[in-house]
Amino acid sequence: MNLISLNNGQTYQPEPGWKRISLAGSANVSVEYFEKPAGHTSPLHTHPQEQVCICTKGKLMSVDSDGQEVIMNPGDSVWFAPDEPHRVENAGDDLAEGIDIFAPARSFDFWLMKLNEKKK
């Protein structure tokens, strides 16, 4: 057993105000808590892992590559298939929070690598 507190988990901010904290991970699954400031959206992206995104606070909007939008309120979740293009946006006026679960595990610094590639 390994207890990881939100206060001491590995943390990074891919962009100002967008905070991610690693809560658990192995080769099979990774779990990340995140905070998104009002109006923030992740870029449309893909990854080979399945993803479950759970809204825990605020209002999140998930959008797929076909433009389909789903609004998530606290307690709602959305599942993305491997390699399914998607983005997640804070659709509210306040800070939104959520949990991402990836299977198999995704590198915790995924967004740092992705955003650095974009700058090149």
PDB file of N, CA and C in Angstrom:
ATOM      1  N   MET A   1       0.845  -1.169   0.000  1.00  0.00           N
ATOM      2  CA  MET A   1       0.000   0.000   0.000  1.00  0.00           C
ATOM      3  C   MET A   1       0.898   1.242   0.000  1.00  0.00           C
ATOM      4  N   ASN A   2       0.453   2.268  -0.707  1.00  0.00           N
ATOM      5  CA  ASN A   2       1.218   3.508  -0.781  1.00  0.00           C
ATOM      6  C   ASN A   2       0.244   4.680  -0.714  1.00  0.00           C
ATOM      7  N   LEU A   3       0.239   5.402   0.397  1.00  0.00           N
ATOM      8  CA  LEU A   3      -0.626   6.564   0.559  1.00  0.00           C
ATOM      9  C   LEU A   3       0.014   7.778  -0.095  1.00  0.00           C
ATOM     10  N   ILE A   4      -0.730   8.440  -0.975  1.00  0.00           N
ATOM     11  CA  ILE A   4      -0.273   9.686  -1.593  1.00  0.00           C
ATOM     12  C   ILE A   4      -1.322  10.745  -1.296  1.00  0.00           C
ATOM     13  N   SER A   5      -0.912  11.765  -0.587  1.00  0.00           N
ATOM     14  CA  SER A   5      -1.795  12.867  -0.244  1.00  0.00           C
ATOM     15  C   SER A   5      -1.783  13.902  -1.359  1.00  0.00           C
ATOM     16  N   LEU A   6      -2.899  14.566  -1.558  1.00  0.00           N
ATOM     17  CA  LEU A   6      -2.977  15.645  -2.544  1.00  0.00           C
ATOM     18  C   LEU A   6      -1.929  16.720  -2.247  1.00  0.00           C
ATOM     19  N   ASN A   7      -1.568  16.854  -0.974  1.00  0.00           N
ATOM     20  CA  ASN A   7      -0.592  17.878  -0.574  1.00  0.00           C
ATOM     21  C   ASN A   7       0.854  17.495  -0.859  1.00  0.00           C
ATOM     22  N   ASN A   8       1.133  16.187  -1.070  1.00  0.00           N
ATOM     23  CA  ASN A   8       2.534  15.811  -1.289  1.00  0.00           C
ATOM     24  C   ASN A   8       2.760  14.970  -2.541  1.00  0.00           C
ATOM     25  N   GLY A   9       1.760  14.876  -3.422  1.00  0.00           N
ATOM     26  CA  GLY A   9       1.935  14.154  -4.673  1.00  0.00           C
ATOM     27  C   GLY A   9       2.810  14.947  -5.638  1.00  0.00           C
ATOM     28  N   GLN A  10       3.435  14.247  -6.562  1.00  0.00           N
ATOM     29  CA  GLN A  10       4.255  14.913  -7.584  1.00  0.00           C
ATOM     30  C   GLN A  10       3.359  15.856  -8.384  1.00  0.00           C
ATOM     31  N   THR A  11       3.791  17.108  -8.539  1.00  0.00           N
ATOM     32  CA  THR A  11       2.964  18.163  -9.119  1.00  0.00           C
ATOM     33  C   THR A  11       3.695  18.896 -10.234  1.00  0.00           C
ATOM     34  N   TYR A  12       2.950  19.329 -11.235  1.00  0.00           N
ATOM     35  CA  TYR A  12       3.481  20.269 -12.231  1.00  0.00           C
ATOM     36  C   TYR A  12       2.336  21.070 -12.827  1.00  0.00           C
ATOM     37  N   GLN A  13       2.699  22.202 -13.440  1.00  0.00           N
ATOM     38  CA  GLN A  13       1.732  23.051 -14.110  1.00  0.00           C
ATOM     39  C   GLN A  13       2.119  23.163 -15.582  1.00  0.00           C
ATOM     40  N   PRO A  14       1.409  22.439 -16.479  1.00  0.00           N
ATOM     41  CA  PRO A  14       1.743  22.521 -17.900  1.00  0.00           C
ATOM     42  C   PRO A  14       1.584  23.938 -18.452  1.00  0.00           C
ATOM     43  N   GLU A  15       0.606  24.671 -17.932  1.00  0.00           N
ATOM     44  CA  GLU A  15       0.363  26.067 -18.304  1.00  0.00           C
ATOM     45  C   GLU A  15      -0.081  26.793 -17.039  1.00  0.00           C
ATOM     46  N   PRO A  16       0.029  28.120 -16.991  1.00  0.00           N
ATOM     47  CA  PRO A  16      -0.350  28.851 -15.772  1.00  0.00           C
ATOM     48  C   PRO A  16      -1.766  28.514 -15.304  1.00  0.00           C
ATOM     49  N   GLY A  17      -1.874  28.110 -14.043  1.00  0.00           N
ATOM     50  CA  GLY A  17      -3.159  27.799 -13.439  1.00  0.00           C
ATOM     51  C   GLY A  17      -3.658  26.387 -13.689  1.00  0.00           C
ATOM     52  N   TRP A  18      -3.053  25.667 -14.626  1.00  0.00           N
ATOM     53  CA  TRP A  18      -3.454  24.286 -14.926  1.00  0.00           C
ATOM     54  C   TRP A  18      -2.531  23.370 -14.140  1.00  0.00           C
ATOM     55  N   LYS A  19      -3.033  22.852 -13.047  1.00  0.00           N
ATOM     56  CA  LYS A  19      -2.225  22.064 -12.109  1.00  0.00           C
ATOM     57  C   LYS A  19      -2.580  20.590 -12.236  1.00  0.00           C
ATOM     58  N   ARG A  20      -1.553  19.731 -12.194  1.00  0.00           N
ATOM     59  CA  ARG A  20      -1.752  18.283 -12.236  1.00  0.00           C
ATOM     60  C   ARG A  20      -0.947  17.655 -11.102  1.00  0.00           C
ATOM     61  N   ILE A  21      -1.564  16.693 -10.393  1.00  0.00           N
ATOM     62  CA  ILE A  21      -0.910  16.003  -9.289  1.00  0.00           C
ATOM     63  C   ILE A  21      -1.071  14.499  -9.493  1.00  0.00           C
ATOM     64  N   SER A  22       0.054  13.781  -9.451  1.00  0.00           N
ATOM     65  CA  SER A  22       0.021  12.328  -9.580  1.00  0.00           C
ATOM     66  C   SER A  22      -0.464  11.728  -8.270  1.00  0.00           C
ATOM     67  N   LEU A  23      -1.540  10.943  -8.339  1.00  0.00           N
ATOM     68  CA  LEU A  23      -2.087  10.313  -7.137  1.00  0.00           C
ATOM     69  C   LEU A  23      -1.693   8.849  -7.018  1.00  0.00           C
ATOM     70  N   ALA A  24      -1.493   8.186  -8.144  1.00  0.00           N
ATOM     71  CA  ALA A  24      -1.134   6.771  -8.123  1.00  0.00           C
ATOM     72  C   ALA A  24      -0.640   6.378  -9.499  1.00  0.00           C
ATOM     73  N   GLY A  25       0.215   5.382  -9.524  1.00  0.00           N
ATOM     74  CA  GLY A  25       0.669   4.944 -10.821  1.00  0.00           C
ATOM     75  C   GLY A  25       1.448   3.649 -10.774  1.00  0.00           C
ATOM     76  N   SER A  26       1.328   2.913 -11.849  1.00  0.00           N
ATOM     77  CA  SER A  26       2.084   1.696 -12.083  1.00  0.00           C
ATOM     78  C   SER A  26       2.167   1.559 -13.601  1.00  0.00           C
ATOM     79  N   ALA A  27       2.678   0.463 -14.082  1.00  0.00           N
ATOM     80  CA  ALA A  27       2.719   0.253 -15.532  1.00  0.00           C
ATOM     81  C   ALA A  27       1.311   0.047 -16.096  1.00  0.00           C
ATOM     82  N   ASN A  28       0.371  -0.339 -15.237  1.00  0.00           N
ATOM     83  CA  ASN A  28      -0.975  -0.665 -15.698  1.00  0.00           C
ATOM     84  C   ASN A  28      -1.968   0.483 -15.660  1.00  0.00           C
ATOM     85  N   VAL A  29      -1.788   1.402 -14.714  1.00  0.00           N
ATOM     86  CA  VAL A  29      -2.760   2.486 -14.555  1.00  0.00           C
ATOM     87  C   VAL A  29      -2.082   3.692 -13.921  1.00  0.00           C
ATOM     88  N   SER A  30      -2.544   4.886 -14.297  1.00  0.00           N
ATOM     89  CA  SER A  30      -2.098   6.102 -13.607  1.00  0.00           C
ATOM     90  C   SER A  30      -3.330   6.948 -13.309  1.00  0.00           C
ATOM     91  N   VAL A  31      -3.267   7.660 -12.176  1.00  0.00           N
ATOM     92  CA  VAL A  31      -4.382   8.485 -11.718  1.00  0.00           C
ATOM     93  C   VAL A  31      -3.828   9.871 -11.414  1.00  0.00           C
ATOM     94  N   GLU A  32      -4.475  10.895 -11.985  1.00  0.00           N
ATOM     95  CA  GLU A  32      -4.032  12.274 -11.783  1.00  0.00           C
ATOM     96  C   GLU A  32      -5.203  13.158 -11.387  1.00  0.00           C
ATOM     97  N   TYR A  33      -4.986  13.969 -10.377  1.00  0.00           N
ATOM     98  CA  TYR A  33      -5.899  15.041 -10.005  1.00  0.00           C
ATOM     99  C   TYR A  33      -5.518  16.250 -10.842  1.00  0.00           C
ATOM    100  N   PHE A  34      -6.505  17.057 -11.252  1.00  0.00           N
ATOM    101  CA  PHE A  34      -6.167  18.283 -11.974  1.00  0.00           C
ATOM    102  C   PHE A  34      -7.074  19.430 -11.574  1.00  0.00           C
ATOM    103  N   GLU A  35      -6.533  20.639 -11.748  1.00  0.00           N
ATOM    104  CA  GLU A  35      -7.288  21.883 -11.593  1.00  0.00           C
ATOM    105  C   GLU A  35      -7.157  22.657 -12.891  1.00  0.00           C
ATOM    106  N   LYS A  36      -8.272  23.210 -13.371  1.00  0.00           N
ATOM    107  CA  LYS A  36      -8.274  24.050 -14.567  1.00  0.00           C
ATOM    108  C   LYS A  36      -8.913  25.385 -14.216  1.00  0.00           C
ATOM    109  N   PRO A  37      -8.219  26.484 -14.506  1.00  0.00           N
ATOM    110  CA  PRO A  37      -8.826  27.790 -14.252  1.00  0.00           C
ATOM    111  C   PRO A  37      -9.959  28.053 -15.241  1.00  0.00           C
ATOM    112  N   ALA A  38     -10.817  28.990 -14.912  1.00  0.00           N
ATOM    113  CA  ALA A  38     -11.938  29.338 -15.789  1.00  0.00           C
ATOM    114  C   ALA A  38     -11.435  29.645 -17.200  1.00  0.00           C
ATOM    115  N   GLY A  39     -12.098  29.069 -18.186  1.00  0.00           N
ATOM    116  CA  GLY A  39     -11.758  29.321 -19.582  1.00  0.00           C
ATOM    117  C   GLY A  39     -10.627  28.482 -20.140  1.00  0.00           C
ATOM    118  N   HIS A  40      -9.913  27.742 -19.293  1.00  0.00           N
ATOM    119  CA  HIS A  40      -8.766  26.966 -19.797  1.00  0.00           C
ATOM    120  C   HIS A  40      -9.240  25.739 -20.562  1.00  0.00           C
ATOM    121  N   THR A  41      -8.555  25.437 -21.648  1.00  0.00           N
ATOM    122  CA  THR A  41      -8.814  24.216 -22.398  1.00  0.00           C
ATOM    123  C   THR A  41      -7.499  23.543 -22.746  1.00  0.00           C
ATOM    124  N   SER A  42      -7.497  22.229 -22.688  1.00  0.00           N
ATOM    125  CA  SER A  42      -6.324  21.502 -23.183  1.00  0.00           C
ATOM    126  C   SER A  42      -6.431  21.478 -24.708  1.00  0.00           C
ATOM    127  N   PRO A  43      -5.300  21.423 -25.396  1.00  0.00           N
ATOM    128  CA  PRO A  43      -5.355  21.330 -26.854  1.00  0.00           C
ATOM    129  C   PRO A  43      -5.971  19.993 -27.283  1.00  0.00           C
ATOM    130  N   LEU A  44      -6.559  19.960 -28.466  1.00  0.00           N
ATOM    131  CA  LEU A  44      -7.027  18.703 -29.024  1.00  0.00           C
ATOM    132  C   LEU A  44      -5.817  17.784 -29.132  1.00  0.00           C
ATOM    133  N   HIS A  45      -5.929  16.570 -28.601  1.00  0.00           N
ATOM    134  CA  HIS A  45      -4.782  15.666 -28.560  1.00  0.00           C
ATOM    135  C   HIS A  45      -5.238  14.214 -28.553  1.00  0.00           C
ATOM    136  N   THR A  46      -4.272  13.322 -28.717  1.00  0.00           N
ATOM    137  CA  THR A  46      -4.518  11.887 -28.618  1.00  0.00           C
ATOM    138  C   THR A  46      -3.418  11.258 -27.767  1.00  0.00           C
ATOM    139  N   HIS A  47      -3.681  10.061 -27.295  1.00  0.00           N
ATOM    140  CA  HIS A  47      -2.676   9.241 -26.620  1.00  0.00           C
ATOM    141  C   HIS A  47      -3.149   7.799 -26.707  1.00  0.00           C
ATOM    142  N   PRO A  48      -2.230   6.854 -26.615  1.00  0.00           N
ATOM    143  CA  PRO A  48      -2.601   5.446 -26.799  1.00  0.00           C
ATOM    144  C   PRO A  48      -3.342   4.825 -25.619  1.00  0.00           C
ATOM    145  N   GLN A  49      -3.494   5.550 -24.540  1.00  0.00           N
ATOM    146  CA  GLN A  49      -4.164   5.010 -23.357  1.00  0.00           C
ATOM    147  C   GLN A  49      -5.671   5.286 -23.410  1.00  0.00           C
ATOM    148  N   GLU A  50      -6.454   4.397 -22.793  1.00  0.00           N
ATOM    149  CA  GLU A  50      -7.843   4.714 -22.483  1.00  0.00           C
ATOM    150  C   GLU A  50      -7.813   5.777 -21.403  1.00  0.00           C
ATOM    151  N   GLN A  51      -8.824   6.629 -21.363  1.00  0.00           N
ATOM    152  CA  GLN A  51      -8.882   7.661 -20.324  1.00  0.00           C
ATOM    153  C   GLN A  51     -10.306   7.784 -19.807  1.00  0.00           C
ATOM    154  N   VAL A  52     -10.417   7.877 -18.500  1.00  0.00           N
ATOM    155  CA  VAL A  52     -11.670   8.243 -17.859  1.00  0.00           C
ATOM    156  C   VAL A  52     -11.410   9.582 -17.180  1.00  0.00           C
ATOM    157  N   CYS A  53     -12.216  10.577 -17.489  1.00  0.00           N
ATOM    158  CA  CYS A  53     -12.118  11.902 -16.879  1.00  0.00           C
ATOM    159  C   CYS A  53     -13.354  12.089 -16.007  1.00  0.00           C
ATOM    160  N   ILE A  54     -13.124  12.373 -14.722  1.00  0.00           N
ATOM    161  CA  ILE A  54     -14.215  12.537 -13.759  1.00  0.00           C
ATOM    162  C   ILE A  54     -14.215  13.971 -13.260  1.00  0.00           C
ATOM    163  N   CYS A  55     -15.330  14.647 -13.374  1.00  0.00           N
ATOM    164  CA  CYS A  55     -15.465  16.009 -12.856  1.00  0.00           C
ATOM    165  C   CYS A  55     -15.797  15.927 -11.369  1.00  0.00           C
ATOM    166  N   THR A  56     -15.000  16.626 -10.535  1.00  0.00           N
ATOM    167  CA  THR A  56     -15.262  16.626  -9.096  1.00  0.00           C
ATOM    168  C   THR A  56     -15.722  17.990  -8.583  1.00  0.00           C
ATOM    169  N   LYS A  57     -15.465  19.050  -9.369  1.00  0.00           N
ATOM    170  CA  LYS A  57     -15.876  20.392  -8.963  1.00  0.00           C
ATOM    171  C   LYS A  57     -15.983  21.267 -10.204  1.00  0.00           C
ATOM    172  N   GLY A  58     -17.011  22.094 -10.255  1.00  0.00           N
ATOM    173  CA  GLY A  58     -17.163  23.002 -11.381  1.00  0.00           C
ATOM    174  C   GLY A  58     -17.885  22.349 -12.540  1.00  0.00           C
ATOM    175  N   LYS A  59     -17.550  22.829 -13.749  1.00  0.00           N
ATOM    176  CA  LYS A  59     -18.199  22.343 -14.961  1.00  0.00           C
ATOM    177  C   LYS A  59     -17.127  22.149 -16.017  1.00  0.00           C
ATOM    178  N   LEU A  60     -17.004  20.928 -16.522  1.00  0.00           N
ATOM    179  CA  LEU A  60     -16.023  20.623 -17.558  1.00  0.00           C
ATOM    180  C   LEU A  60     -16.751  20.257 -18.841  1.00  0.00           C
ATOM    181  N   MET A  61     -16.195  20.687 -19.968  1.00  0.00           N
ATOM    182  CA  MET A  61     -16.738  20.313 -21.261  1.00  0.00           C
ATOM    183  C   MET A  61     -15.699  19.467 -21.980  1.00  0.00           C
ATOM    184  N   SER A  62     -16.114  18.308 -22.437  1.00  0.00           N
ATOM    185  CA  SER A  62     -15.245  17.453 -23.241  1.00  0.00           C
ATOM    186  C   SER A  62     -15.703  17.545 -24.685  1.00  0.00           C
ATOM    187  N   VAL A  63     -14.739  17.642 -25.587  1.00  0.00           N
ATOM    188  CA  VAL A  63     -15.041  17.762 -27.007  1.00  0.00           C
ATOM    189  C   VAL A  63     -14.218  16.734 -27.755  1.00  0.00           C
ATOM    190  N   ASP A  64     -14.857  16.019 -28.694  1.00  0.00           N
ATOM    191  CA  ASP A  64     -14.104  15.067 -29.506  1.00  0.00           C
ATOM    192  C   ASP A  64     -13.803  15.677 -30.874  1.00  0.00           C
ATOM    193  N   SER A  65     -13.089  14.934 -31.704  1.00  0.00           N
ATOM    194  CA  SER A  65     -12.638  15.469 -32.992  1.00  0.00           C
ATOM    195  C   SER A  65     -13.783  15.749 -33.955  1.00  0.00           C
ATOM    196  N   ASP A  66     -14.962  15.162 -33.708  1.00  0.00           N
ATOM    197  CA  ASP A  66     -16.131  15.438 -34.548  1.00  0.00           C
ATOM    198  C   ASP A  66     -16.893  16.669 -34.071  1.00  0.00           C
ATOM    199  N   GLY A  67     -16.412  17.298 -33.000  1.00  0.00           N
ATOM    200  CA  GLY A  67     -17.069  18.484 -32.469  1.00  0.00           C
ATOM    201  C   GLY A  67     -18.185  18.183 -31.488  1.00  0.00           C
ATOM    202  N   GLN A  68     -18.384  16.912 -31.151  1.00  0.00           N
ATOM    203  CA  GLN A  68     -19.399  16.551 -30.168  1.00  0.00           C
ATOM    204  C   GLN A  68     -18.972  17.074 -28.805  1.00  0.00           C
ATOM    205  N   GLU A  69     -19.877  17.782 -28.117  1.00  0.00           N
ATOM    206  CA  GLU A  69     -19.588  18.354 -26.807  1.00  0.00           C
ATOM    207  C   GLU A  69     -20.401  17.643 -25.734  1.00  0.00           C
ATOM    208  N   VAL A  70     -19.768  17.390 -24.610  1.00  0.00           N
ATOM    209  CA  VAL A  70     -20.428  16.802 -23.454  1.00  0.00           C
ATOM    210  C   VAL A  70     -20.085  17.668 -22.250  1.00  0.00           C
ATOM    211  N   ILE A  71     -21.081  18.132 -21.535  1.00  0.00           N
ATOM    212  CA  ILE A  71     -20.863  18.914 -20.315  1.00  0.00           C
ATOM    213  C   ILE A  71     -20.890  17.963 -19.121  1.00  0.00           C
ATOM    214  N   MET A  72     -19.846  18.065 -18.290  1.00  0.00           N
ATOM    215  CA  MET A  72     -19.768  17.256 -17.079  1.00  0.00           C
ATOM    216  C   MET A  72     -19.906  18.162 -15.854  1.00  0.00           C
ATOM    217  N   ASN A  73     -20.801  17.784 -14.971  1.00  0.00           N
ATOM    218  CA  ASN A  73     -20.953  18.423 -13.666  1.00  0.00           C
ATOM    219  C   ASN A  73     -20.327  17.499 -12.628  1.00  0.00           C
ATOM    220  N   PRO A  74     -20.142  17.959 -11.395  1.00  0.00           N
ATOM    221  CA  PRO A  74     -19.534  17.097 -10.388  1.00  0.00           C
ATOM    222  C   PRO A  74     -20.228  15.739 -10.306  1.00  0.00           C
ATOM    223  N   GLY A  75     -19.409  14.688 -10.355  1.00  0.00           N
ATOM    224  CA  GLY A  75     -19.917  13.321 -10.318  1.00  0.00           C
ATOM    225  C   GLY A  75     -20.070  12.695 -11.698  1.00  0.00           C
ATOM    226  N   ASP A  76     -19.999  13.499 -12.756  1.00  0.00           N
ATOM    227  CA  ASP A  76     -20.087  12.976 -14.121  1.00  0.00           C
ATOM    228  C   ASP A  76     -18.710  12.566 -14.613  1.00  0.00           C
ATOM    229  N   SER A  77     -18.696  11.645 -15.579  1.00  0.00           N
ATOM    230  CA  SER A  77     -17.433  11.216 -16.173  1.00  0.00           C
ATOM    231  C   SER A  77     -17.614  11.003 -17.663  1.00  0.00           C
ATOM    232  N   VAL A  78     -16.496  10.959 -18.364  1.00  0.00           N
ATOM    233  CA  VAL A  78     -16.481  10.659 -19.786  1.00  0.00           C
ATOM    234  C   VAL A  78     -15.325   9.705 -20.047  1.00  0.00           C
ATOM    235  N   TRP A  79     -15.521   8.782 -20.992  1.00  0.00           N
ATOM    236  CA  TRP A  79     -14.496   7.806 -21.358  1.00  0.00           C
ATOM    237  C   TRP A  79     -14.018   8.109 -22.760  1.00  0.00           C
ATOM    238  N   PHE A  80     -12.700   8.105 -22.948  1.00  0.00           N
ATOM    239  CA  PHE A  80     -12.096   8.271 -24.267  1.00  0.00           C
ATOM    240  C   PHE A  80     -11.382   6.975 -24.634  1.00  0.00           C
ATOM    241  N   ALA A  81     -11.628   6.504 -25.851  1.00  0.00           N
ATOM    242  CA  ALA A  81     -10.952   5.310 -26.357  1.00  0.00           C
ATOM    243  C   ALA A  81      -9.489   5.637 -26.660  1.00  0.00           C
ATOM    244  N   PRO A  82      -8.634   4.631 -26.719  1.00  0.00           N
ATOM    245  CA  PRO A  82      -7.245   4.881 -27.113  1.00  0.00           C
ATOM    246  C   PRO A  82      -7.195   5.600 -28.465  1.00  0.00           C
ATOM    247  N   ASP A  83      -6.333   6.601 -28.559  1.00  0.00           N
ATOM    248  CA  ASP A  83      -6.111   7.382 -29.784  1.00  0.00           C
ATOM    249  C   ASP A  83      -7.317   8.182 -30.247  1.00  0.00           C
ATOM    250  N   GLU A  84      -8.324   8.368 -29.402  1.00  0.00           N
ATOM    251  CA  GLU A  84      -9.476   9.204 -29.753  1.00  0.00           C
ATOM    252  C   GLU A  84      -9.112  10.675 -29.537  1.00  0.00           C
ATOM    253  N   PRO A  85      -9.164  11.501 -30.574  1.00  0.00           N
ATOM    254  CA  PRO A  85      -8.864  12.926 -30.402  1.00  0.00           C
ATOM    255  C   PRO A  85      -9.897  13.579 -29.469  1.00  0.00           C
ATOM    256  N   HIS A  86      -9.403  14.374 -28.519  1.00  0.00           N
ATOM    257  CA  HIS A  86     -10.290  15.022 -27.554  1.00  0.00           C
ATOM    258  C   HIS A  86      -9.580  16.198 -26.893  1.00  0.00           C
ATOM    259  N   ARG A  87     -10.379  17.009 -26.230  1.00  0.00           N
ATOM    260  CA  ARG A  87      -9.864  18.067 -25.364  1.00  0.00           C
ATOM    261  C   ARG A  87     -10.838  18.234 -24.216  1.00  0.00           C
ATOM    262  N   VAL A  88     -10.353  18.819 -23.112  1.00  0.00           N
ATOM    263  CA  VAL A  88     -11.200  19.062 -21.949  1.00  0.00           C
ATOM    264  C   VAL A  88     -11.061  20.529 -21.575  1.00  0.00           C
ATOM    265  N   GLU A  89     -12.190  21.186 -21.402  1.00  0.00           N
ATOM    266  CA  GLU A  89     -12.232  22.629 -21.145  1.00  0.00           C
ATOM    267  C   GLU A  89     -12.995  22.915 -19.855  1.00  0.00           C
ATOM    268  N   ASN A  90     -12.558  23.926 -19.121  1.00  0.00           N
ATOM    269  CA  ASN A  90     -13.333  24.426 -17.997  1.00  0.00           C
ATOM    270  C   ASN A  90     -14.427  25.296 -18.595  1.00  0.00           C
ATOM    271  N   ALA A  91     -15.656  24.827 -18.533  1.00  0.00           N
ATOM    272  CA  ALA A  91     -16.783  25.530 -19.148  1.00  0.00           C
ATOM    273  C   ALA A  91     -17.489  26.464 -18.178  1.00  0.00           C
ATOM    274  N   GLY A  92     -16.945  26.613 -16.977  1.00  0.00           N
ATOM    275  CA  GLY A  92     -17.582  27.465 -15.982  1.00  0.00           C
ATOM    276  C   GLY A  92     -16.806  28.740 -15.729  1.00  0.00           C
ATOM    277  N   ASP A  93     -17.263  29.487 -14.746  1.00  0.00           N
ATOM    278  CA  ASP A  93     -16.627  30.763 -14.384  1.00  0.00           C
ATOM    279  C   ASP A  93     -15.674  30.635 -13.206  1.00  0.00           C
ATOM    280  N   ASP A  94     -15.620  29.464 -12.592  1.00  0.00           N
ATOM    281  CA  ASP A  94     -14.772  29.233 -11.426  1.00  0.00           C
ATOM    282  C   ASP A  94     -13.802  28.091 -11.708  1.00  0.00           C
ATOM    283  N   LEU A  95     -12.885  27.881 -10.799  1.00  0.00           N
ATOM    284  CA  LEU A  95     -11.936  26.783 -10.909  1.00  0.00           C
ATOM    285  C   LEU A  95     -12.683  25.453 -11.035  1.00  0.00           C
ATOM    286  N   ALA A  96     -12.241  24.601 -11.945  1.00  0.00           N
ATOM    287  CA  ALA A  96     -12.803  23.251 -12.086  1.00  0.00           C
ATOM    288  C   ALA A  96     -11.743  22.246 -11.643  1.00  0.00           C
ATOM    289  N   GLU A  97     -12.196  21.140 -11.088  1.00  0.00           N
ATOM    290  CA  GLU A  97     -11.296  20.089 -10.623  1.00  0.00           C
ATOM    291  C   GLU A  97     -11.790  18.749 -11.133  1.00  0.00           C
ATOM    292  N   GLY A  98     -10.839  17.830 -11.296  1.00  0.00           N
ATOM    293  CA  GLY A  98     -11.222  16.508 -11.754  1.00  0.00           C
ATOM    294  C   GLY A  98     -10.142  15.482 -11.518  1.00  0.00           C
ATOM    295  N   ILE A  99     -10.451  14.272 -11.909  1.00  0.00           N
ATOM    296  CA  ILE A  99      -9.545  13.128 -11.807  1.00  0.00           C
ATOM    297  C   ILE A  99      -9.462  12.490 -13.188  1.00  0.00           C
ATOM    298  N   ASP A 100      -8.244  12.227 -13.646  1.00  0.00           N
ATOM    299  CA  ASP A 100      -8.018  11.482 -14.886  1.00  0.00           C
ATOM    300  C   ASP A 100      -7.431  10.125 -14.536  1.00  0.00           C
ATOM    301  N   ILE A 101      -7.958   9.085 -15.159  1.00  0.00           N
ATOM    302  CA  ILE A 101      -7.447   7.724 -14.986  1.00  0.00           C
ATOM    303  C   ILE A 101      -7.026   7.222 -16.362  1.00  0.00           C
ATOM    304  N   PHE A 102      -5.788   6.725 -16.465  1.00  0.00           N
ATOM    305  CA  PHE A 102      -5.245   6.251 -17.735  1.00  0.00           C
ATOM    306  C   PHE A 102      -4.854   4.780 -17.615  1.00  0.00           C
ATOM    307  N   ALA A 103      -5.234   3.977 -18.622  1.00  0.00           N
ATOM    308  CA  ALA A 103      -4.851   2.570 -18.652  1.00  0.00           C
ATOM    309  C   ALA A 103      -4.481   2.179 -20.086  1.00  0.00           C
ATOM    310  N   PRO A 104      -3.284   1.618 -20.289  1.00  0.00           N
ATOM    311  CA  PRO A 104      -2.205   1.521 -19.308  1.00  0.00           C
ATOM    312  C   PRO A 104      -1.731   2.918 -18.905  1.00  0.00           C
ATOM    313  N   ALA A 105      -0.818   2.975 -17.981  1.00  0.00           N
ATOM    314  CA  ALA A 105      -0.364   4.251 -17.425  1.00  0.00           C
ATOM    315  C   ALA A 105       0.176   5.182 -18.506  1.00  0.00           C
ATOM    316  N   ARG A 106      -0.036   6.477 -18.292  1.00  0.00           N
ATOM    317  CA  ARG A 106       0.524   7.511 -19.154  1.00  0.00           C
ATOM    318  C   ARG A 106       1.625   8.216 -18.378  1.00  0.00           C
ATOM    319  N   SER A 107       2.662   8.641 -19.092  1.00  0.00           N
ATOM    320  CA  SER A 107       3.741   9.384 -18.462  1.00  0.00           C
ATOM    321  C   SER A 107       3.173  10.609 -17.750  1.00  0.00           C
ATOM    322  N   PHE A 108       3.606  10.827 -16.511  1.00  0.00           N
ATOM    323  CA  PHE A 108       3.079  11.958 -15.749  1.00  0.00           C
ATOM    324  C   PHE A 108       3.419  13.290 -16.396  1.00  0.00           C
ATOM    325  N   ASP A 109       4.549  13.383 -17.071  1.00  0.00           N
ATOM    326  CA  ASP A 109       4.943  14.651 -17.687  1.00  0.00           C
ATOM    327  C   ASP A 109       4.479  14.749 -19.151  1.00  0.00           C
ATOM    328  N   PHE A 110       3.417  14.027 -19.510  1.00  0.00           N
ATOM    329  CA  PHE A 110       2.867  14.034 -20.871  1.00  0.00           C
ATOM    330  C   PHE A 110       2.702  15.447 -21.416  1.00  0.00           C
ATOM    331  N   TRP A 111       2.080  16.325 -20.630  1.00  0.00           N
ATOM    332  CA  TRP A 111       1.792  17.677 -21.129  1.00  0.00           C
ATOM    333  C   TRP A 111       3.050  18.517 -21.255  1.00  0.00           C
ATOM    334  N   LEU A 112       4.016  18.346 -20.373  1.00  0.00           N
ATOM    335  CA  LEU A 112       5.270  19.087 -20.523  1.00  0.00           C
ATOM    336  C   LEU A 112       5.961  18.701 -21.824  1.00  0.00           C
ATOM    337  N   MET A 113       5.985  17.402 -22.122  1.00  0.00           N
ATOM    338  CA  MET A 113       6.610  16.944 -23.372  1.00  0.00           C
ATOM    339  C   MET A 113       5.813  17.431 -24.576  1.00  0.00           C
ATOM    340  N   LYS A 114       4.484  17.324 -24.522  1.00  0.00           N
ATOM    341  CA  LYS A 114       3.616  17.715 -25.634  1.00  0.00           C
ATOM    342  C   LYS A 114       3.740  19.207 -25.927  1.00  0.00           C
ATOM    343  N   LEU A 115       3.731  20.037 -24.899  1.00  0.00           N
ATOM    344  CA  LEU A 115       3.811  21.484 -25.099  1.00  0.00           C
ATOM    345  C   LEU A 115       5.206  21.909 -25.551  1.00  0.00           C
ATOM    346  N   ASN A 116       6.262  21.209 -25.095  1.00  0.00           N
ATOM    347  CA  ASN A 116       7.613  21.495 -25.562  1.00  0.00           C
ATOM    348  C   ASN A 116       7.782  21.141 -27.035  1.00  0.00           C
ATOM    349  N   GLU A 117       7.156  20.036 -27.480  1.00  0.00           N
ATOM    350  CA  GLU A 117       7.201  19.657 -28.895  1.00  0.00           C
ATOM    351  C   GLU A 117       6.564  20.753 -29.761  1.00  0.00           C
ATOM    352  N   LYS A 118       5.474  21.305 -29.260  1.00  0.00           N
ATOM    353  CA  LYS A 118       4.741  22.346 -29.984  1.00  0.00           C
ATOM    354  C   LYS A 118       5.583  23.610 -30.174  1.00  0.00           C
ATOM    355  N   LYS A 119       6.441  23.911 -29.187  1.00  0.00           N
ATOM    356  CA  LYS A 119       7.284  25.113 -29.238  1.00  0.00           C
ATOM    357  C   LYS A 119       8.408  24.987 -30.250  1.00  0.00           C
ATOM    358  N   LYS A 120       8.800  23.753 -30.590  1.00  0.00           N
ATOM    359  CA  LYS A 120       9.940  23.540 -31.494  1.00  0.00           C
ATOM    360  C   LYS A 120       9.602  23.839 -32.933  1.00  0.00           C
TER     361      LYS A 120
END
